[in-house]
Amino acid sequence: MYGLISKINTVPGQRDGLAAILVEGTSEMPGCLSYVIASDPADENALWITEVWDSRSSHQGSMSLPAVQAAMVKGRLMIAGFGSRVETVPIGGVGLK
């Protein structure tokens, strides 16, 4: 498995709008076992994305999916920058086989 935890810093006031776009644009991604979008309670302009994939190649392939491409175009102007990014190797847990 392949895991990724990323922080996205949004333009002030755009966090909820970007979260909605990400939720909508990521519902059908082959190989995605978990994709969680969470607001940061300590930063009103930050989102955390926690992903688990069956492989790194599935994650890379998701970037070319039409729904993911459309979400990136739609949300691009809402993003102020990117924070921490950590790659992980998931072992297991609730919801994972």
PDB file of N, CA and C in Angstrom:
ATOM      1  N   MET A   1       0.834  -1.186   0.000  1.00  0.00           N
ATOM      2  CA  MET A   1       0.000   0.000   0.000  1.00  0.00           C
ATOM      3  C   MET A   1       0.878   1.249   0.000  1.00  0.00           C
ATOM      4  N   TYR A   2       0.263   2.345  -0.382  1.00  0.00           N
ATOM      5  CA  TYR A   2       0.935   3.634  -0.435  1.00  0.00           C
ATOM      6  C   TYR A   2       0.044   4.654   0.269  1.00  0.00           C
ATOM      7  N   GLY A   3       0.632   5.456   1.148  1.00  0.00           N
ATOM      8  CA  GLY A   3      -0.109   6.483   1.858  1.00  0.00           C
ATOM      9  C   GLY A   3       0.495   7.858   1.663  1.00  0.00           C
ATOM     10  N   LEU A   4      -0.355   8.855   1.771  1.00  0.00           N
ATOM     11  CA  LEU A   4       0.088  10.230   1.615  1.00  0.00           C
ATOM     12  C   LEU A   4      -0.761  11.110   2.529  1.00  0.00           C
ATOM     13  N   ILE A   5      -0.090  11.973   3.290  1.00  0.00           N
ATOM     14  CA  ILE A   5      -0.771  12.940   4.140  1.00  0.00           C
ATOM     15  C   ILE A   5      -0.250  14.315   3.724  1.00  0.00           C
ATOM     16  N   SER A   6      -1.174  15.196   3.328  1.00  0.00           N
ATOM     17  CA  SER A   6      -0.782  16.504   2.793  1.00  0.00           C
ATOM     18  C   SER A   6      -1.606  17.619   3.419  1.00  0.00           C
ATOM     19  N   LYS A   7      -0.966  18.762   3.564  1.00  0.00           N
ATOM     20  CA  LYS A   7      -1.656  19.955   4.037  1.00  0.00           C
ATOM     21  C   LYS A   7      -1.775  20.937   2.883  1.00  0.00           C
ATOM     22  N   ILE A   8      -2.992  21.451   2.679  1.00  0.00           N
ATOM     23  CA  ILE A   8      -3.234  22.480   1.668  1.00  0.00           C
ATOM     24  C   ILE A   8      -3.644  23.749   2.401  1.00  0.00           C
ATOM     25  N   ASN A   9      -2.952  24.829   2.110  1.00  0.00           N
ATOM     26  CA  ASN A   9      -3.293  26.141   2.663  1.00  0.00           C
ATOM     27  C   ASN A   9      -4.167  26.851   1.637  1.00  0.00           C
ATOM     28  N   THR A  10      -5.354  27.289   2.067  1.00  0.00           N
ATOM     29  CA  THR A  10      -6.271  27.930   1.136  1.00  0.00           C
ATOM     30  C   THR A  10      -6.218  29.450   1.251  1.00  0.00           C
ATOM     31  N   VAL A  11      -6.715  30.086   0.215  1.00  0.00           N
ATOM     32  CA  VAL A  11      -6.918  31.525   0.245  1.00  0.00           C
ATOM     33  C   VAL A  11      -7.929  31.785   1.371  1.00  0.00           C
ATOM     34  N   PRO A  12      -7.752  32.837   2.176  1.00  0.00           N
ATOM     35  CA  PRO A  12      -8.686  33.093   3.271  1.00  0.00           C
ATOM     36  C   PRO A  12     -10.154  33.044   2.815  1.00  0.00           C
ATOM     37  N   GLY A  13     -10.938  32.299   3.577  1.00  0.00           N
ATOM     38  CA  GLY A  13     -12.365  32.174   3.294  1.00  0.00           C
ATOM     39  C   GLY A  13     -12.738  31.130   2.250  1.00  0.00           C
ATOM     40  N   GLN A  14     -11.761  30.420   1.700  1.00  0.00           N
ATOM     41  CA  GLN A  14     -12.028  29.466   0.617  1.00  0.00           C
ATOM     42  C   GLN A  14     -11.923  28.001   1.038  1.00  0.00           C
ATOM     43  N   ARG A  15     -11.639  27.729   2.324  1.00  0.00           N
ATOM     44  CA  ARG A  15     -11.428  26.348   2.758  1.00  0.00           C
ATOM     45  C   ARG A  15     -12.632  25.454   2.472  1.00  0.00           C
ATOM     46  N   ASP A  16     -13.824  25.879   2.844  1.00  0.00           N
ATOM     47  CA  ASP A  16     -15.000  25.039   2.663  1.00  0.00           C
ATOM     48  C   ASP A  16     -15.310  24.817   1.178  1.00  0.00           C
ATOM     49  N   GLY A  17     -15.104  25.844   0.378  1.00  0.00           N
ATOM     50  CA  GLY A  17     -15.329  25.706  -1.061  1.00  0.00           C
ATOM     51  C   GLY A  17     -14.375  24.710  -1.685  1.00  0.00           C
ATOM     52  N   LEU A  18     -13.110  24.776  -1.303  1.00  0.00           N
ATOM     53  CA  LEU A  18     -12.134  23.831  -1.836  1.00  0.00           C
ATOM     54  C   LEU A  18     -12.433  22.424  -1.341  1.00  0.00           C
ATOM     55  N   ALA A  19     -12.813  22.285  -0.091  1.00  0.00           N
ATOM     56  CA  ALA A  19     -13.152  20.962   0.444  1.00  0.00           C
ATOM     57  C   ALA A  19     -14.298  20.348  -0.349  1.00  0.00           C
ATOM     58  N   ALA A  20     -15.309  21.130  -0.667  1.00  0.00           N
ATOM     59  CA  ALA A  20     -16.447  20.629  -1.436  1.00  0.00           C
ATOM     60  C   ALA A  20     -16.011  20.163  -2.830  1.00  0.00           C
ATOM     61  N   ILE A  21     -15.147  20.908  -3.460  1.00  0.00           N
ATOM     62  CA  ILE A  21     -14.642  20.527  -4.785  1.00  0.00           C
ATOM     63  C   ILE A  21     -13.858  19.225  -4.699  1.00  0.00           C
ATOM     64  N   LEU A  22     -13.019  19.097  -3.678  1.00  0.00           N
ATOM     65  CA  LEU A  22     -12.219  17.880  -3.526  1.00  0.00           C
ATOM     66  C   LEU A  22     -13.098  16.660  -3.232  1.00  0.00           C
ATOM     67  N   VAL A  23     -14.111  16.832  -2.398  1.00  0.00           N
ATOM     68  CA  VAL A  23     -15.017  15.724  -2.097  1.00  0.00           C
ATOM     69  C   VAL A  23     -15.733  15.278  -3.369  1.00  0.00           C
ATOM     70  N   GLU A  24     -16.229  16.237  -4.126  1.00  0.00           N
ATOM     71  CA  GLU A  24     -16.975  15.942  -5.344  1.00  0.00           C
ATOM     72  C   GLU A  24     -16.093  15.312  -6.420  1.00  0.00           C
ATOM     73  N   GLY A  25     -14.881  15.774  -6.552  1.00  0.00           N
ATOM     74  CA  GLY A  25     -14.021  15.346  -7.654  1.00  0.00           C
ATOM     75  C   GLY A  25     -13.214  14.091  -7.398  1.00  0.00           C
ATOM     76  N   THR A  26     -13.388  13.486  -6.243  1.00  0.00           N
ATOM     77  CA  THR A  26     -12.534  12.337  -5.915  1.00  0.00           C
ATOM     78  C   THR A  26     -13.327  11.096  -5.520  1.00  0.00           C
ATOM     79  N   SER A  27     -14.569  11.005  -5.957  1.00  0.00           N
ATOM     80  CA  SER A  27     -15.379   9.866  -5.523  1.00  0.00           C
ATOM     81  C   SER A  27     -15.051   8.560  -6.250  1.00  0.00           C
ATOM     82  N   GLU A  28     -14.587   8.625  -7.482  1.00  0.00           N
ATOM     83  CA  GLU A  28     -14.293   7.422  -8.269  1.00  0.00           C
ATOM     84  C   GLU A  28     -12.820   7.417  -8.675  1.00  0.00           C
ATOM     85  N   MET A  29     -11.983   6.793  -7.853  1.00  0.00           N
ATOM     86  CA  MET A  29     -10.562   6.730  -8.169  1.00  0.00           C
ATOM     87  C   MET A  29     -10.090   5.284  -8.003  1.00  0.00           C
ATOM     88  N   PRO A  30      -9.852   4.584  -9.100  1.00  0.00           N
ATOM     89  CA  PRO A  30      -9.404   3.187  -9.018  1.00  0.00           C
ATOM     90  C   PRO A  30      -8.134   3.044  -8.170  1.00  0.00           C
ATOM     91  N   GLY A  31      -8.160   2.084  -7.257  1.00  0.00           N
ATOM     92  CA  GLY A  31      -7.009   1.827  -6.397  1.00  0.00           C
ATOM     93  C   GLY A  31      -7.003   2.632  -5.111  1.00  0.00           C
ATOM     94  N   CYS A  32      -7.939   3.577  -4.975  1.00  0.00           N
ATOM     95  CA  CYS A  32      -7.999   4.396  -3.759  1.00  0.00           C
ATOM     96  C   CYS A  32      -8.776   3.641  -2.686  1.00  0.00           C
ATOM     97  N   LEU A  33      -8.136   3.381  -1.577  1.00  0.00           N
ATOM     98  CA  LEU A  33      -8.760   2.670  -0.465  1.00  0.00           C
ATOM     99  C   LEU A  33      -9.356   3.631   0.557  1.00  0.00           C
ATOM    100  N   SER A  34      -8.791   4.822   0.644  1.00  0.00           N
ATOM    101  CA  SER A  34      -9.283   5.823   1.585  1.00  0.00           C
ATOM    102  C   SER A  34      -8.805   7.198   1.130  1.00  0.00           C
ATOM    103  N   TYR A  35      -9.702   8.173   1.165  1.00  0.00           N
ATOM    104  CA  TYR A  35      -9.366   9.550   0.802  1.00  0.00           C
ATOM    105  C   TYR A  35     -10.180  10.430   1.740  1.00  0.00           C
ATOM    106  N   VAL A  36      -9.527  10.998   2.731  1.00  0.00           N
ATOM    107  CA  VAL A  36     -10.207  11.779   3.756  1.00  0.00           C
ATOM    108  C   VAL A  36      -9.764  13.235   3.661  1.00  0.00           C
ATOM    109  N   ILE A  37     -10.727  14.124   3.568  1.00  0.00           N
ATOM    110  CA  ILE A  37     -10.480  15.559   3.546  1.00  0.00           C
ATOM    111  C   ILE A  37     -10.943  16.092   4.896  1.00  0.00           C
ATOM    112  N   ALA A  38     -10.047  16.761   5.609  1.00  0.00           N
ATOM    113  CA  ALA A  38     -10.372  17.244   6.954  1.00  0.00           C
ATOM    114  C   ALA A  38      -9.952  18.697   7.116  1.00  0.00           C
ATOM    115  N   SER A  39     -10.784  19.454   7.827  1.00  0.00           N
ATOM    116  CA  SER A  39     -10.401  20.826   8.152  1.00  0.00           C
ATOM    117  C   SER A  39      -9.470  20.792   9.353  1.00  0.00           C
ATOM    118  N   ASP A  40      -8.620  21.793   9.423  1.00  0.00           N
ATOM    119  CA  ASP A  40      -7.674  21.917  10.537  1.00  0.00           C
ATOM    120  C   ASP A  40      -8.311  22.820  11.592  1.00  0.00           C
ATOM    121  N   PRO A  41      -8.619  22.290  12.789  1.00  0.00           N
ATOM    122  CA  PRO A  41      -9.286  23.113  13.803  1.00  0.00           C
ATOM    123  C   PRO A  41      -8.422  24.273  14.321  1.00  0.00           C
ATOM    124  N   ALA A  42      -7.129  24.203  14.086  1.00  0.00           N
ATOM    125  CA  ALA A  42      -6.236  25.263  14.560  1.00  0.00           C
ATOM    126  C   ALA A  42      -5.914  26.291  13.471  1.00  0.00           C
ATOM    127  N   ASP A  43      -6.379  26.051  12.242  1.00  0.00           N
ATOM    128  CA  ASP A  43      -6.070  26.960  11.131  1.00  0.00           C
ATOM    129  C   ASP A  43      -7.276  27.016  10.199  1.00  0.00           C
ATOM    130  N   GLU A  44      -7.984  28.123  10.215  1.00  0.00           N
ATOM    131  CA  GLU A  44      -9.216  28.244   9.429  1.00  0.00           C
ATOM    132  C   GLU A  44      -8.995  28.245   7.917  1.00  0.00           C
ATOM    133  N   ASN A  45      -7.756  28.258   7.485  1.00  0.00           N
ATOM    134  CA  ASN A  45      -7.450  28.257   6.059  1.00  0.00           C
ATOM    135  C   ASN A  45      -6.681  27.017   5.623  1.00  0.00           C
ATOM    136  N   ALA A  46      -6.801  25.932   6.386  1.00  0.00           N
ATOM    137  CA  ALA A  46      -6.022  24.735   6.056  1.00  0.00           C
ATOM    138  C   ALA A  46      -6.901  23.493   5.971  1.00  0.00           C
ATOM    139  N   LEU A  47      -6.536  22.634   5.028  1.00  0.00           N
ATOM    140  CA  LEU A  47      -7.133  21.312   4.880  1.00  0.00           C
ATOM    141  C   LEU A  47      -6.033  20.273   4.977  1.00  0.00           C
ATOM    142  N   TRP A  48      -6.374  19.117   5.525  1.00  0.00           N
ATOM    143  CA  TRP A  48      -5.474  17.968   5.539  1.00  0.00           C
ATOM    144  C   TRP A  48      -6.106  16.879   4.681  1.00  0.00           C
ATOM    145  N   ILE A  49      -5.334  16.305   3.786  1.00  0.00           N
ATOM    146  CA  ILE A  49      -5.792  15.214   2.935  1.00  0.00           C
ATOM    147  C   ILE A  49      -4.997  13.969   3.337  1.00  0.00           C
ATOM    148  N   THR A  50      -5.727  12.924   3.724  1.00  0.00           N
ATOM    149  CA  THR A  50      -5.104  11.664   4.114  1.00  0.00           C
ATOM    150  C   THR A  50      -5.556  10.605   3.114  1.00  0.00           C
ATOM    151  N   GLU A  51      -4.593  10.012   2.411  1.00  0.00           N
ATOM    152  CA  GLU A  51      -4.899   9.068   1.340  1.00  0.00           C
ATOM    153  C   GLU A  51      -4.252   7.712   1.593  1.00  0.00           C
ATOM    154  N   VAL A  52      -4.961   6.653   1.201  1.00  0.00           N
ATOM    155  CA  VAL A  52      -4.389   5.314   1.186  1.00  0.00           C
ATOM    156  C   VAL A  52      -4.745   4.705  -0.166  1.00  0.00           C
ATOM    157  N   TRP A  53      -3.727   4.205  -0.836  1.00  0.00           N
ATOM    158  CA  TRP A  53      -3.865   3.622  -2.169  1.00  0.00           C
ATOM    159  C   TRP A  53      -3.333   2.198  -2.160  1.00  0.00           C
ATOM    160  N   ASP A  54      -3.792   1.405  -3.110  1.00  0.00           N
ATOM    161  CA  ASP A  54      -3.264   0.044  -3.207  1.00  0.00           C
ATOM    162  C   ASP A  54      -1.818   0.046  -3.686  1.00  0.00           C
ATOM    163  N   SER A  55      -1.407   1.140  -4.384  1.00  0.00           N
ATOM    164  CA  SER A  55      -0.024   1.250  -4.851  1.00  0.00           C
ATOM    165  C   SER A  55       0.295   2.706  -5.195  1.00  0.00           C
ATOM    166  N   ARG A  56       1.561   3.004  -5.261  1.00  0.00           N
ATOM    167  CA  ARG A  56       2.009   4.341  -5.673  1.00  0.00           C
ATOM    168  C   ARG A  56       1.561   4.628  -7.109  1.00  0.00           C
ATOM    169  N   SER A  57       1.598   3.617  -7.965  1.00  0.00           N
ATOM    170  CA  SER A  57       1.219   3.823  -9.359  1.00  0.00           C
ATOM    171  C   SER A  57      -0.273   4.168  -9.503  1.00  0.00           C
ATOM    172  N   SER A  58      -1.123   3.609  -8.647  1.00  0.00           N
ATOM    173  CA  SER A  58      -2.544   3.978  -8.677  1.00  0.00           C
ATOM    174  C   SER A  58      -2.712   5.455  -8.311  1.00  0.00           C
ATOM    175  N   HIS A  59      -1.954   5.901  -7.313  1.00  0.00           N
ATOM    176  CA  HIS A  59      -2.017   7.313  -6.937  1.00  0.00           C
ATOM    177  C   HIS A  59      -1.569   8.196  -8.097  1.00  0.00           C
ATOM    178  N   GLN A  60      -0.457   7.857  -8.701  1.00  0.00           N
ATOM    179  CA  GLN A  60       0.047   8.652  -9.829  1.00  0.00           C
ATOM    180  C   GLN A  60      -0.944   8.654 -10.988  1.00  0.00           C
ATOM    181  N   GLY A  61      -1.560   7.511 -11.252  1.00  0.00           N
ATOM    182  CA  GLY A  61      -2.533   7.417 -12.330  1.00  0.00           C
ATOM    183  C   GLY A  61      -3.779   8.243 -12.080  1.00  0.00           C
ATOM    184  N   SER A  62      -4.126   8.448 -10.821  1.00  0.00           N
ATOM    185  CA  SER A  62      -5.330   9.213 -10.502  1.00  0.00           C
ATOM    186  C   SER A  62      -5.231  10.660 -10.969  1.00  0.00           C
ATOM    187  N   MET A  63      -4.022  11.162 -11.095  1.00  0.00           N
ATOM    188  CA  MET A  63      -3.840  12.557 -11.500  1.00  0.00           C
ATOM    189  C   MET A  63      -4.319  12.817 -12.935  1.00  0.00           C
ATOM    190  N   SER A  64      -4.453  11.767 -13.734  1.00  0.00           N
ATOM    191  CA  SER A  64      -4.900  11.954 -15.120  1.00  0.00           C
ATOM    192  C   SER A  64      -6.396  11.673 -15.292  1.00  0.00           C
ATOM    193  N   LEU A  65      -7.088  11.298 -14.226  1.00  0.00           N
ATOM    194  CA  LEU A  65      -8.530  11.059 -14.326  1.00  0.00           C
ATOM    195  C   LEU A  65      -9.268  12.369 -14.606  1.00  0.00           C
ATOM    196  N   PRO A  66     -10.257  12.352 -15.513  1.00  0.00           N
ATOM    197  CA  PRO A  66     -10.991  13.581 -15.844  1.00  0.00           C
ATOM    198  C   PRO A  66     -11.593  14.285 -14.623  1.00  0.00           C
ATOM    199  N   ALA A  67     -12.167  13.540 -13.673  1.00  0.00           N
ATOM    200  CA  ALA A  67     -12.776  14.170 -12.493  1.00  0.00           C
ATOM    201  C   ALA A  67     -11.721  14.849 -11.624  1.00  0.00           C
ATOM    202  N   VAL A  68     -10.559  14.233 -11.489  1.00  0.00           N
ATOM    203  CA  VAL A  68      -9.477  14.813 -10.694  1.00  0.00           C
ATOM    204  C   VAL A  68      -8.920  16.050 -11.400  1.00  0.00           C
ATOM    205  N   GLN A  69      -8.735  15.964 -12.709  1.00  0.00           N
ATOM    206  CA  GLN A  69      -8.267  17.115 -13.485  1.00  0.00           C
ATOM    207  C   GLN A  69      -9.240  18.289 -13.351  1.00  0.00           C
ATOM    208  N   ALA A  70     -10.535  18.009 -13.450  1.00  0.00           N
ATOM    209  CA  ALA A  70     -11.551  19.063 -13.346  1.00  0.00           C
ATOM    210  C   ALA A  70     -11.527  19.697 -11.951  1.00  0.00           C
ATOM    211  N   ALA A  71     -11.366  18.872 -10.913  1.00  0.00           N
ATOM    212  CA  ALA A  71     -11.301  19.400  -9.546  1.00  0.00           C
ATOM    213  C   ALA A  71     -10.084  20.301  -9.379  1.00  0.00           C
ATOM    214  N   MET A  72      -8.967  19.905  -9.968  1.00  0.00           N
ATOM    215  CA  MET A  72      -7.752  20.729  -9.849  1.00  0.00           C
ATOM    216  C   MET A  72      -7.940  22.080 -10.540  1.00  0.00           C
ATOM    217  N   VAL A  73      -8.566  22.090 -11.699  1.00  0.00           N
ATOM    218  CA  VAL A  73      -8.805  23.346 -12.413  1.00  0.00           C
ATOM    219  C   VAL A  73      -9.770  24.224 -11.619  1.00  0.00           C
ATOM    220  N   LYS A  74     -10.846  23.626 -11.124  1.00  0.00           N
ATOM    221  CA  LYS A  74     -11.863  24.358 -10.373  1.00  0.00           C
ATOM    222  C   LYS A  74     -11.307  24.966  -9.083  1.00  0.00           C
ATOM    223  N   GLY A  75     -10.449  24.223  -8.395  1.00  0.00           N
ATOM    224  CA  GLY A  75      -9.965  24.659  -7.094  1.00  0.00           C
ATOM    225  C   GLY A  75      -8.652  25.413  -7.088  1.00  0.00           C
ATOM    226  N   ARG A  76      -7.982  25.470  -8.217  1.00  0.00           N
ATOM    227  CA  ARG A  76      -6.633  26.058  -8.288  1.00  0.00           C
ATOM    228  C   ARG A  76      -6.537  27.446  -7.666  1.00  0.00           C
ATOM    229  N   LEU A  77      -7.490  28.322  -7.946  1.00  0.00           N
ATOM    230  CA  LEU A  77      -7.418  29.697  -7.435  1.00  0.00           C
ATOM    231  C   LEU A  77      -7.750  29.811  -5.947  1.00  0.00           C
ATOM    232  N   MET A  78      -8.246  28.718  -5.360  1.00  0.00           N
ATOM    233  CA  MET A  78      -8.555  28.712  -3.933  1.00  0.00           C
ATOM    234  C   MET A  78      -7.352  28.288  -3.093  1.00  0.00           C
ATOM    235  N   ILE A  79      -6.305  27.823  -3.740  1.00  0.00           N
ATOM    236  CA  ILE A  79      -5.134  27.310  -3.036  1.00  0.00           C
ATOM    237  C   ILE A  79      -4.073  28.404  -2.916  1.00  0.00           C
ATOM    238  N   ALA A  80      -3.671  28.675  -1.673  1.00  0.00           N
ATOM    239  CA  ALA A  80      -2.616  29.661  -1.420  1.00  0.00           C
ATOM    240  C   ALA A  80      -1.235  29.001  -1.441  1.00  0.00           C
ATOM    241  N   GLY A  81      -1.191  27.711  -1.146  1.00  0.00           N
ATOM    242  CA  GLY A  81       0.086  26.998  -1.122  1.00  0.00           C
ATOM    243  C   GLY A  81      -0.082  25.641  -0.459  1.00  0.00           C
ATOM    244  N   PHE A  82       1.023  24.952  -0.350  1.00  0.00           N
ATOM    245  CA  PHE A  82       1.018  23.617   0.228  1.00  0.00           C
ATOM    246  C   PHE A  82       1.946  23.585   1.430  1.00  0.00           C
ATOM    247  N   GLY A  83       1.521  22.849   2.450  1.00  0.00           N
ATOM    248  CA  GLY A  83       2.320  22.709   3.665  1.00  0.00           C
ATOM    249  C   GLY A  83       3.008  21.363   3.681  1.00  0.00           C
ATOM    250  N   SER A  84       2.937  20.711   4.793  1.00  0.00           N
ATOM    251  CA  SER A  84       3.595  19.418   4.988  1.00  0.00           C
ATOM    252  C   SER A  84       3.065  18.372   4.008  1.00  0.00           C
ATOM    253  N   ARG A  85       3.965  17.467   3.627  1.00  0.00           N
ATOM    254  CA  ARG A  85       3.602  16.340   2.765  1.00  0.00           C
ATOM    255  C   ARG A  85       4.431  15.155   3.223  1.00  0.00           C
ATOM    256  N   VAL A  86       3.757  14.093   3.615  1.00  0.00           N
ATOM    257  CA  VAL A  86       4.443  12.924   4.142  1.00  0.00           C
ATOM    258  C   VAL A  86       3.945  11.682   3.410  1.00  0.00           C
ATOM    259  N   GLU A  87       4.866  10.905   2.875  1.00  0.00           N
ATOM    260  CA  GLU A  87       4.524   9.619   2.292  1.00  0.00           C
ATOM    261  C   GLU A  87       4.624   8.560   3.381  1.00  0.00           C
ATOM    262  N   THR A  88       3.680   7.606   3.363  1.00  0.00           N
ATOM    263  CA  THR A  88       3.674   6.544   4.368  1.00  0.00           C
ATOM    264  C   THR A  88       3.487   5.189   3.698  1.00  0.00           C
ATOM    265  N   VAL A  89       3.690   4.152   4.456  1.00  0.00           N
ATOM    266  CA  VAL A  89       3.402   2.776   4.019  1.00  0.00           C
ATOM    267  C   VAL A  89       2.368   2.233   5.007  1.00  0.00           C
ATOM    268  N   PRO A  90       1.072   2.347   4.671  1.00  0.00           N
ATOM    269  CA  PRO A  90       0.030   1.863   5.580  1.00  0.00           C
ATOM    270  C   PRO A  90       0.185   0.370   5.864  1.00  0.00           C
ATOM    271  N   ILE A  91      -0.071   0.023   7.100  1.00  0.00           N
ATOM    272  CA  ILE A  91       0.021  -1.372   7.537  1.00  0.00           C
ATOM    273  C   ILE A  91      -1.367  -1.984   7.636  1.00  0.00           C
ATOM    274  N   GLY A  92      -2.339  -1.223   8.093  1.00  0.00           N
ATOM    275  CA  GLY A  92      -3.702  -1.701   8.236  1.00  0.00           C
ATOM    276  C   GLY A  92      -4.466  -0.815   9.179  1.00  0.00           C
ATOM    277  N   GLY A  93      -5.696  -1.141   9.417  1.00  0.00           N
ATOM    278  CA  GLY A  93      -6.539  -0.358  10.309  1.00  0.00           C
ATOM    279  C   GLY A  93      -7.979  -0.450   9.896  1.00  0.00           C
ATOM    280  N   VAL A  94      -8.834   0.271  10.577  1.00  0.00           N
ATOM    281  CA  VAL A  94     -10.265   0.258  10.290  1.00  0.00           C
ATOM    282  C   VAL A  94     -10.481   0.716   8.857  1.00  0.00           C
ATOM    283  N   GLY A  95     -11.224  -0.054   8.110  1.00  0.00           N
ATOM    284  CA  GLY A  95     -11.526   0.288   6.715  1.00  0.00           C
ATOM    285  C   GLY A  95     -10.511  -0.227   5.711  1.00  0.00           C
ATOM    286  N   LEU A  96      -9.369  -0.700   6.167  1.00  0.00           N
ATOM    287  CA  LEU A  96      -8.339  -1.201   5.251  1.00  0.00           C
ATOM    288  C   LEU A  96      -8.253  -2.724   5.380  1.00  0.00           C
ATOM    289  N   LYS A  97      -8.050  -3.363   4.262  1.00  0.00           N
ATOM    290  CA  LYS A  97      -7.926  -4.815   4.253  1.00  0.00           C
ATOM    291  C   LYS A  97      -6.522  -5.242   4.596  1.00  0.00           C
TER     292      LYS A  97
END
